[in-house]
Every structure is written in C-alpha cells, then in structure tokens.
PDB file of N, CA and C in Angstrom:
ATOM      1  N   UNK A   1     -24.365  10.032 106.719  1.00  0.00           N
ATOM      2  CA  UNK A   1     -24.141   9.473 107.906  1.00  0.00           C
ATOM      3  C   UNK A   1     -22.824  10.060 108.466  1.00  0.00           C
ATOM      4  N   UNK A   2     -23.307   9.958 110.087  1.00  0.00           N
ATOM      5  CA  UNK A   2     -22.462  10.969 111.280  1.00  0.00           C
ATOM      6  C   UNK A   2     -21.203  10.496 111.345  1.00  0.00           C
ATOM      7  N   UNK A   3     -20.514  11.443 111.581  1.00  0.00           N
ATOM      8  CA  UNK A   3     -18.823  11.112 111.447  1.00  0.00           C
ATOM      9  C   UNK A   3     -18.901  10.506 112.794  1.00  0.00           C
ATOM     10  N   UNK A   4     -17.223   9.997 112.783  1.00  0.00           N
ATOM     11  CA  UNK A   4     -16.831   9.416 113.597  1.00  0.00           C
ATOM     12  C   UNK A   4     -16.304  10.096 114.844  1.00  0.00           C
ATOM     13  N   UNK A   5     -16.097  10.562 116.357  1.00  0.00           N
ATOM     14  CA  UNK A   5     -16.013  10.985 117.136  1.00  0.00           C
ATOM     15  C   UNK A   5     -14.588  10.126 117.556  1.00  0.00           C
ATOM     16  N   UNK A   6     -13.035  11.127 117.829  1.00  0.00           N
ATOM     17  CA  UNK A   6     -12.329  10.471 118.481  1.00  0.00           C
ATOM     18  C   UNK A   6     -11.837  11.598 119.602  1.00  0.00           C
ATOM     19  N   UNK A   7     -11.582  10.963 120.976  1.00  0.00           N
ATOM     20  CA  UNK A   7     -11.475  11.843 121.657  1.00  0.00           C
ATOM     21  C   UNK A   7      -9.846  11.786 122.482  1.00  0.00           C
ATOM     22  N   UNK A   8      -9.329  12.522 122.102  1.00  0.00           N
ATOM     23  CA  UNK A   8      -7.689  12.345 122.227  1.00  0.00           C
ATOM     24  C   UNK A   8      -7.359  11.994 123.915  1.00  0.00           C
ATOM     25  N   UNK A   9      -6.671  11.316 124.629  1.00  0.00           N
ATOM     26  CA  UNK A   9      -6.561  11.106 126.112  1.00  0.00           C
ATOM     27  C   UNK A   9      -6.568  12.060 126.885  1.00  0.00           C
ATOM     28  N   UNK A  10      -5.506  13.379 126.464  1.00  0.00           N
ATOM     29  CA  UNK A  10      -5.745  14.489 127.162  1.00  0.00           C
ATOM     30  C   UNK A  10      -7.057  15.206 127.024  1.00  0.00           C
ATOM     31  N   UNK A  11      -7.602  15.662 126.223  1.00  0.00           N
ATOM     32  CA  UNK A  11      -9.376  15.956 126.163  1.00  0.00           C
ATOM     33  C   UNK A  11     -10.419  14.964 126.920  1.00  0.00           C
ATOM     34  N   UNK A  12      -9.926  13.514 126.841  1.00  0.00           N
ATOM     35  CA  UNK A  12     -10.652  12.485 127.727  1.00  0.00           C
ATOM     36  C   UNK A  12     -10.729  12.729 129.499  1.00  0.00           C
ATOM     37  N   UNK A  13      -9.412  13.120 130.036  1.00  0.00           N
ATOM     38  CA  UNK A  13      -9.346  13.688 131.200  1.00  0.00           C
ATOM     39  C   UNK A  13      -9.989  15.504 131.276  1.00  0.00           C
ATOM     40  N   UNK A  14     -10.073  15.826 130.819  1.00  0.00           N
ATOM     41  CA  UNK A  14     -10.563  17.010 130.943  1.00  0.00           C
ATOM     42  C   UNK A  14     -12.068  17.057 130.840  1.00  0.00           C
ATOM     43  N   UNK A  15     -12.338  16.026 130.238  1.00  0.00           N
ATOM     44  CA  UNK A  15     -14.102  15.355 130.111  1.00  0.00           C
ATOM     45  C   UNK A  15     -14.693  14.921 131.368  1.00  0.00           C
ATOM     46  N   UNK A  16     -13.626  13.903 132.023  1.00  0.00           N
ATOM     47  CA  UNK A  16     -13.912  13.406 132.693  1.00  0.00           C
ATOM     48  C   UNK A  16     -13.589  14.546 134.067  1.00  0.00           C
ATOM     49  N   UNK A  17     -12.959  15.392 134.122  1.00  0.00           N
ATOM     50  CA  UNK A  17     -12.984  16.709 135.021  1.00  0.00           C
ATOM     51  C   UNK A  17     -14.524  17.401 135.124  1.00  0.00           C
ATOM     52  N   UNK A  18     -15.304  17.425 134.432  1.00  0.00           N
ATOM     53  CA  UNK A  18     -16.281  18.194 134.003  1.00  0.00           C
ATOM     54  C   UNK A  18     -17.911  17.233 134.377  1.00  0.00           C
ATOM     55  N   UNK A  19     -17.601  16.182 135.636  1.00  0.00           N
ATOM     56  CA  UNK A  19     -18.699  15.589 136.113  1.00  0.00           C
ATOM     57  C   UNK A  19     -19.999  15.738 135.604  1.00  0.00           C
ATOM     58  N   UNK A  20     -20.684  17.090 136.095  1.00  0.00           N
ATOM     59  CA  UNK A  20     -22.320  17.474 135.951  1.00  0.00           C
ATOM     60  C   UNK A  20     -22.630  17.970 134.684  1.00  0.00           C
ATOM     61  N   UNK A  21     -21.483  17.938 133.424  1.00  0.00           N
ATOM     62  CA  UNK A  21     -21.867  18.467 131.901  1.00  0.00           C
ATOM     63  C   UNK A  21     -21.085  17.806 131.630  1.00  0.00           C
ATOM     64  N   UNK A  22     -20.422  16.519 131.609  1.00  0.00           N
ATOM     65  CA  UNK A  22     -19.785  15.104 130.349  1.00  0.00           C
ATOM     66  C   UNK A  22     -21.181  15.095 129.973  1.00  0.00           C
ATOM     67  N   UNK A  23     -22.009  14.629 130.175  1.00  0.00           N
ATOM     68  CA  UNK A  23     -23.211  14.106 129.369  1.00  0.00           C
ATOM     69  C   UNK A  23     -23.827  14.800 128.507  1.00  0.00           C
ATOM     70  N   UNK A  24     -23.722  15.843 128.637  1.00  0.00           N
ATOM     71  CA  UNK A  24     -24.395  16.922 127.954  1.00  0.00           C
ATOM     72  C   UNK A  24     -23.569  17.362 126.629  1.00  0.00           C
ATOM     73  N   UNK A  25     -22.095  17.800 127.350  1.00  0.00           N
ATOM     74  CA  UNK A  25     -20.758  17.782 126.378  1.00  0.00           C
ATOM     75  C   UNK A  25     -20.797  16.627 125.223  1.00  0.00           C
ATOM     76  N   UNK A  26     -20.906  15.446 125.538  1.00  0.00           N
ATOM     77  CA  UNK A  26     -20.687  14.458 124.592  1.00  0.00           C
ATOM     78  C   UNK A  26     -22.221  14.081 123.889  1.00  0.00           C
ATOM     79  N   UNK A  27     -23.310  14.660 124.415  1.00  0.00           N
ATOM     80  CA  UNK A  27     -24.233  14.760 123.844  1.00  0.00           C
ATOM     81  C   UNK A  27     -24.624  15.453 122.946  1.00  0.00           C
ATOM     82  N   UNK A  28     -23.756  16.781 122.729  1.00  0.00           N
ATOM     83  CA  UNK A  28     -23.739  17.960 121.354  1.00  0.00           C
ATOM     84  C   UNK A  28     -22.641  18.119 120.448  1.00  0.00           C
ATOM     85  N   UNK A  29     -21.872  17.060 121.178  1.00  0.00           N
ATOM     86  CA  UNK A  29     -20.725  16.156 120.282  1.00  0.00           C
ATOM     87  C   UNK A  29     -21.742  15.156 119.347  1.00  0.00           C
ATOM     88  N   UNK A  30     -21.907  14.575 119.417  1.00  0.00           N
ATOM     89  CA  UNK A  30     -22.772  13.368 119.115  1.00  0.00           C
ATOM     90  C   UNK A  30     -23.918  14.161 117.909  1.00  0.00           C
ATOM     91  N   UNK A  31     -24.656  15.085 118.657  1.00  0.00           N
ATOM     92  CA  UNK A  31     -25.946  15.946 117.495  1.00  0.00           C
ATOM     93  C   UNK A  31     -24.680  16.332 116.575  1.00  0.00           C
ATOM     94  N   UNK A  32     -23.701  17.189 116.971  1.00  0.00           N
ATOM     95  CA  UNK A  32     -22.992  18.053 115.967  1.00  0.00           C
ATOM     96  C   UNK A  32     -22.223  16.880 114.676  1.00  0.00           C
ATOM     97  N   UNK A  33     -21.917  15.727 115.213  1.00  0.00           N
ATOM     98  CA  UNK A  33     -21.174  15.208 113.993  1.00  0.00           C
ATOM     99  C   UNK A  33     -22.500  14.169 113.037  1.00  0.00           C
ATOM    100  N   UNK A  34     -23.913  14.456 113.808  1.00  0.00           N
ATOM    101  CA  UNK A  34     -25.010  14.163 112.669  1.00  0.00           C
ATOM    102  C   UNK A  34     -25.258  15.216 111.847  1.00  0.00           C
ATOM    103  N   UNK A  35     -25.423  16.146 112.538  1.00  0.00           N
ATOM    104  CA  UNK A  35     -25.780  17.151 111.720  1.00  0.00           C
ATOM    105  C   UNK A  35     -25.293  18.541 111.727  1.00  0.00           C
ATOM    106  N   UNK A  36     -23.971  18.183 111.094  1.00  0.00           N
ATOM    107  CA  UNK A  36     -23.131  20.401 111.580  1.00  0.00           C
ATOM    108  C   UNK A  36     -23.955  21.288 111.333  1.00  0.00           C
ATOM    109  N   UNK A  37     -24.584  21.250 110.437  1.00  0.00           N
ATOM    110  CA  UNK A  37     -25.241  22.462 109.792  1.00  0.00           C
ATOM    111  C   UNK A  37     -26.082  23.122 111.441  1.00  0.00           C
ATOM    112  N   UNK A  38     -26.608  22.647 111.926  1.00  0.00           N
ATOM    113  CA  UNK A  38     -27.559  22.749 112.844  1.00  0.00           C
ATOM    114  C   UNK A  38     -26.517  23.460 114.208  1.00  0.00           C
ATOM    115  N   UNK A  39     -25.214  23.519 113.963  1.00  0.00           N
ATOM    116  CA  UNK A  39     -24.626  24.041 114.809  1.00  0.00           C
ATOM    117  C   UNK A  39     -23.485  24.929 114.524  1.00  0.00           C
ATOM    118  N   UNK A  40     -24.110  25.656 112.835  1.00  0.00           N
ATOM    119  CA  UNK A  40     -23.031  26.625 112.587  1.00  0.00           C
ATOM    120  C   UNK A  40     -23.351  28.003 112.561  1.00  0.00           C
ATOM    121  N   UNK A  41     -24.026  28.190 113.986  1.00  0.00           N
ATOM    122  CA  UNK A  41     -23.857  29.429 114.816  1.00  0.00           C
ATOM    123  C   UNK A  41     -22.745  29.238 116.083  1.00  0.00           C
ATOM    124  N   UNK A  42     -22.269  28.215 116.091  1.00  0.00           N
ATOM    125  CA  UNK A  42     -21.767  27.847 117.526  1.00  0.00           C
ATOM    126  C   UNK A  42     -20.423  27.134 117.365  1.00  0.00           C
ATOM    127  N   UNK A  43     -20.232  26.837 115.994  1.00  0.00           N
ATOM    128  CA  UNK A  43     -18.680  26.480 115.495  1.00  0.00           C
ATOM    129  C   UNK A  43     -17.782  27.584 114.885  1.00  0.00           C
ATOM    130  N   UNK A  44     -16.924  27.938 115.240  1.00  0.00           N
ATOM    131  CA  UNK A  44     -15.858  29.040 114.449  1.00  0.00           C
ATOM    132  C   UNK A  44     -14.284  28.015 114.429  1.00  0.00           C
ATOM    133  N   UNK A  45     -13.923  29.023 113.292  1.00  0.00           N
ATOM    134  CA  UNK A  45     -12.469  28.324 113.360  1.00  0.00           C
ATOM    135  C   UNK A  45     -11.381  29.202 113.705  1.00  0.00           C
ATOM    136  N   UNK A  46     -10.610  28.564 114.338  1.00  0.00           N
ATOM    137  CA  UNK A  46      -9.575  29.034 115.164  1.00  0.00           C
ATOM    138  C   UNK A  46      -8.374  30.328 114.337  1.00  0.00           C
ATOM    139  N   UNK A  47      -8.253  31.248 114.920  1.00  0.00           N
ATOM    140  CA  UNK A  47      -7.284  32.013 113.896  1.00  0.00           C
ATOM    141  C   UNK A  47      -5.582  31.467 113.960  1.00  0.00           C
ATOM    142  N   UNK A  48      -4.717  31.184 112.939  1.00  0.00           N
ATOM    143  CA  UNK A  48      -3.648  30.697 113.346  1.00  0.00           C
ATOM    144  C   UNK A  48      -3.506  28.936 113.199  1.00  0.00           C
ATOM    145  N   UNK A  49      -4.804  28.791 113.368  1.00  0.00           N
ATOM    146  CA  UNK A  49      -4.291  27.368 113.464  1.00  0.00           C
ATOM    147  C   UNK A  49      -5.786  26.185 112.100  1.00  0.00           C
ATOM    148  N   UNK A  50      -5.389  25.042 112.189  1.00  0.00           N
ATOM    149  CA  UNK A  50      -6.441  24.359 111.656  1.00  0.00           C
ATOM    150  C   UNK A  50      -7.588  23.670 112.241  1.00  0.00           C
ATOM    151  N   UNK A  51      -7.359  24.162 113.851  1.00  0.00           N
ATOM    152  CA  UNK A  51      -8.415  23.828 114.776  1.00  0.00           C
ATOM    153  C   UNK A  51      -9.676  24.811 114.477  1.00  0.00           C
ATOM    154  N   UNK A  52     -11.103  24.053 115.249  1.00  0.00           N
ATOM    155  CA  UNK A  52     -11.916  25.101 114.995  1.00  0.00           C
ATOM    156  C   UNK A  52     -12.728  24.769 116.321  1.00  0.00           C
ATOM    157  N   UNK A  53     -13.214  25.673 117.023  1.00  0.00           N
ATOM    158  CA  UNK A  53     -14.508  25.272 118.406  1.00  0.00           C
ATOM    159  C   UNK A  53     -15.873  25.327 118.528  1.00  0.00           C
ATOM    160  N   UNK A  54     -16.270  24.643 119.381  1.00  0.00           N
ATOM    161  CA  UNK A  54     -17.318  24.798 119.772  1.00  0.00           C
ATOM    162  C   UNK A  54     -18.033  24.612 120.463  1.00  0.00           C
ATOM    163  N   UNK A  55     -18.699  25.624 120.501  1.00  0.00           N
ATOM    164  CA  UNK A  55     -19.334  26.064 122.157  1.00  0.00           C
ATOM    165  C   UNK A  55     -20.972  25.468 122.625  1.00  0.00           C
ATOM    166  N   UNK A  56     -20.332  24.771 123.696  1.00  0.00           N
ATOM    167  CA  UNK A  56     -21.620  24.480 124.483  1.00  0.00           C
ATOM    168  C   UNK A  56     -21.746  25.181 125.691  1.00  0.00           C
ATOM    169  N   UNK A  57     -22.104  25.865 125.795  1.00  0.00           N
ATOM    170  CA  UNK A  57     -22.810  26.539 127.122  1.00  0.00           C
ATOM    171  C   UNK A  57     -21.388  27.128 127.280  1.00  0.00           C
ATOM    172  N   UNK A  58     -21.212  27.155 128.482  1.00  0.00           N
ATOM    173  CA  UNK A  58     -20.255  27.583 129.249  1.00  0.00           C
ATOM    174  C   UNK A  58     -18.637  26.757 129.145  1.00  0.00           C
ATOM    175  N   UNK A  59     -18.807  26.051 128.056  1.00  0.00           N
ATOM    176  CA  UNK A  59     -17.608  25.276 128.051  1.00  0.00           C
ATOM    177  C   UNK A  59     -17.477  25.022 126.423  1.00  0.00           C
ATOM    178  N   UNK A  60     -16.108  24.907 125.933  1.00  0.00           N
ATOM    179  CA  UNK A  60     -15.541  24.921 124.649  1.00  0.00           C
ATOM    180  C   UNK A  60     -14.681  23.868 124.223  1.00  0.00           C
ATOM    181  N   UNK A  61     -15.198  23.237 123.056  1.00  0.00           N
ATOM    182  CA  UNK A  61     -14.738  21.949 122.554  1.00  0.00           C
ATOM    183  C   UNK A  61     -13.726  22.089 121.772  1.00  0.00           C
ATOM    184  N   UNK A  62     -12.387  21.952 121.540  1.00  0.00           N
ATOM    185  CA  UNK A  62     -11.210  22.574 120.493  1.00  0.00           C
ATOM    186  C   UNK A  62     -11.189  20.863 119.341  1.00  0.00           C
ATOM    187  N   UNK A  63     -11.259  21.414 118.429  1.00  0.00           N
ATOM    188  CA  UNK A  63     -11.269  19.724 117.636  1.00  0.00           C
ATOM    189  C   UNK A  63     -10.886  20.143 116.049  1.00  0.00           C
ATOM    190  N   UNK A  64     -10.407  19.055 115.596  1.00  0.00           N
ATOM    191  CA  UNK A  64      -9.718  19.152 114.360  1.00  0.00           C
ATOM    192  C   UNK A  64     -10.737  18.000 112.868  1.00  0.00           C
ATOM    193  N   UNK A  65     -11.915  18.819 112.524  1.00  0.00           N
ATOM    194  CA  UNK A  65     -12.307  18.320 111.403  1.00  0.00           C
ATOM    195  C   UNK A  65     -11.899  17.488 110.465  1.00  0.00           C
ATOM    196  N   UNK A  66     -11.959  16.199 110.104  1.00  0.00           N
ATOM    197  CA  UNK A  66     -11.578  15.633 108.598  1.00  0.00           C
ATOM    198  C   UNK A  66     -12.349  15.579 108.050  1.00  0.00           C
ATOM    199  N   UNK A  67     -12.318  14.467 106.695  1.00  0.00           N
ATOM    200  CA  UNK A  67     -13.863  14.094 105.866  1.00  0.00           C
ATOM    201  C   UNK A  67     -14.778  13.208 106.725  1.00  0.00           C
ATOM    202  N   UNK A  68     -14.168  12.522 107.023  1.00  0.00           N
ATOM    203  CA  UNK A  68     -14.880  11.633 108.207  1.00  0.00           C
ATOM    204  C   UNK A  68     -14.656  11.425 109.691  1.00  0.00           C
ATOM    205  N   UNK A  69     -14.303  12.392 110.107  1.00  0.00           N
ATOM    206  CA  UNK A  69     -13.505  11.829 111.605  1.00  0.00           C
ATOM    207  C   UNK A  69     -13.529  13.409 112.265  1.00  0.00           C
ATOM    208  N   UNK A  70     -13.919  13.678 113.227  1.00  0.00           N
ATOM    209  CA  UNK A  70     -14.064  14.676 113.931  1.00  0.00           C
ATOM    210  C   UNK A  70     -12.809  14.308 115.281  1.00  0.00           C
ATOM    211  N   UNK A  71     -11.846  15.072 115.389  1.00  0.00           N
ATOM    212  CA  UNK A  71     -10.931  14.675 116.195  1.00  0.00           C
ATOM    213  C   UNK A  71     -10.865  15.967 117.656  1.00  0.00           C
ATOM    214  N   UNK A  72     -11.247  15.047 118.947  1.00  0.00           N
ATOM    215  CA  UNK A  72     -11.785  16.139 119.499  1.00  0.00           C
ATOM    216  C   UNK A  72     -10.095  16.158 120.797  1.00  0.00           C
ATOM    217  N   UNK A  73      -9.578  17.805 120.610  1.00  0.00           N
ATOM    218  CA  UNK A  73      -8.120  17.827 121.333  1.00  0.00           C
ATOM    219  C   UNK A  73      -8.486  18.546 122.730  1.00  0.00           C
ATOM    220  N   UNK A  74      -9.541  19.200 123.006  1.00  0.00           N
ATOM    221  CA  UNK A  74      -9.630  20.108 124.064  1.00  0.00           C
ATOM    222  C   UNK A  74     -10.633  20.244 123.994  1.00  0.00           C
ATOM    223  N   UNK A  75     -11.375  19.891 125.932  1.00  0.00           N
ATOM    224  CA  UNK A  75     -12.640  20.236 126.283  1.00  0.00           C
ATOM    225  C   UNK A  75     -12.407  21.084 127.674  1.00  0.00           C
ATOM    226  N   UNK A  76     -12.969  22.384 127.623  1.00  0.00           N
ATOM    227  CA  UNK A  76     -13.046  22.591 129.308  1.00  0.00           C
ATOM    228  C   UNK A  76     -13.529  23.737 129.133  1.00  0.00           C
ATOM    229  N   UNK A  77     -13.637  24.676 130.229  1.00  0.00           N
ATOM    230  CA  UNK A  77     -14.490  26.192 130.404  1.00  0.00           C
ATOM    231  C   UNK A  77     -14.155  27.354 129.360  1.00  0.00           C
ATOM    232  N   UNK A  78     -14.935  28.263 128.872  1.00  0.00           N
ATOM    233  CA  UNK A  78     -14.300  29.058 127.955  1.00  0.00           C
ATOM    234  C   UNK A  78     -13.078  29.681 128.278  1.00  0.00           C
ATOM    235  N   UNK A  79     -12.667  30.237 129.645  1.00  0.00           N
ATOM    236  CA  UNK A  79     -11.480  30.839 129.505  1.00  0.00           C
ATOM    237  C   UNK A  79     -10.551  30.323 129.893  1.00  0.00           C
ATOM    238  N   UNK A  80     -10.571  28.945 130.557  1.00  0.00           N
ATOM    239  CA  UNK A  80      -8.800  28.144 130.018  1.00  0.00           C
ATOM    240  C   UNK A  80      -8.660  27.268 128.794  1.00  0.00           C
ATOM    241  N   UNK A  81      -9.561  27.342 128.172  1.00  0.00           N
ATOM    242  CA  UNK A  81      -9.307  26.016 127.260  1.00  0.00           C
ATOM    243  C   UNK A  81      -8.021  26.445 126.345  1.00  0.00           C
ATOM    244  N   UNK A  82      -8.097  27.915 125.790  1.00  0.00           N
ATOM    245  CA  UNK A  82      -7.246  28.274 124.608  1.00  0.00           C
ATOM    246  C   UNK A  82      -5.915  28.434 124.785  1.00  0.00           C
ATOM    247  N   UNK A  83      -5.518  28.474 126.337  1.00  0.00           N
ATOM    248  CA  UNK A  83      -4.630  28.500 127.035  1.00  0.00           C
ATOM    249  C   UNK A  83      -3.336  27.225 126.151  1.00  0.00           C
TER     250      UNK A  83
END
C-alpha cells in the first residue's frame, strides 16, 4: 500500500514556482510513495536532522518519512533548497 503524501504550505508555494517541472516532481513523489526501494540511490538522510532528501534531476525534495506518510517540507533547486 502506498504511503500518503502531505505537502506543507511552504513546499506547496515552492512547487508552484516550478511550473515547468511541477508535474514531474509530483509524479516522482507518487512513484516514491508506491515503491521506495526503486529510489534507494536517489534518497539520502540529511546529517544532523531527521529529514531526508529525494533527488529529482536538478531539484531536491526535503521530506520526513513516517510509517504511513511522507511529509514534504521543502522543494527547490539543488543549490538553494538546503538554506
């Protein structure tokens, strides 16, 4: 059973800014929720935090994963998402 995806308001605003790639980012998030093992080499735990990042081309999705939910905290270009 796929995990539920919750996008926090700040991440939703950041996603709306990525008009050209928003569909691709959401599609990859849904694929990750269905089959996390397929994205094992694109997911990395962030040091000093309980968050992880999902790499989608030039974008990064910062999220926290629970047993039945993926909580998206930030979405953005790889250079500025960690600030």
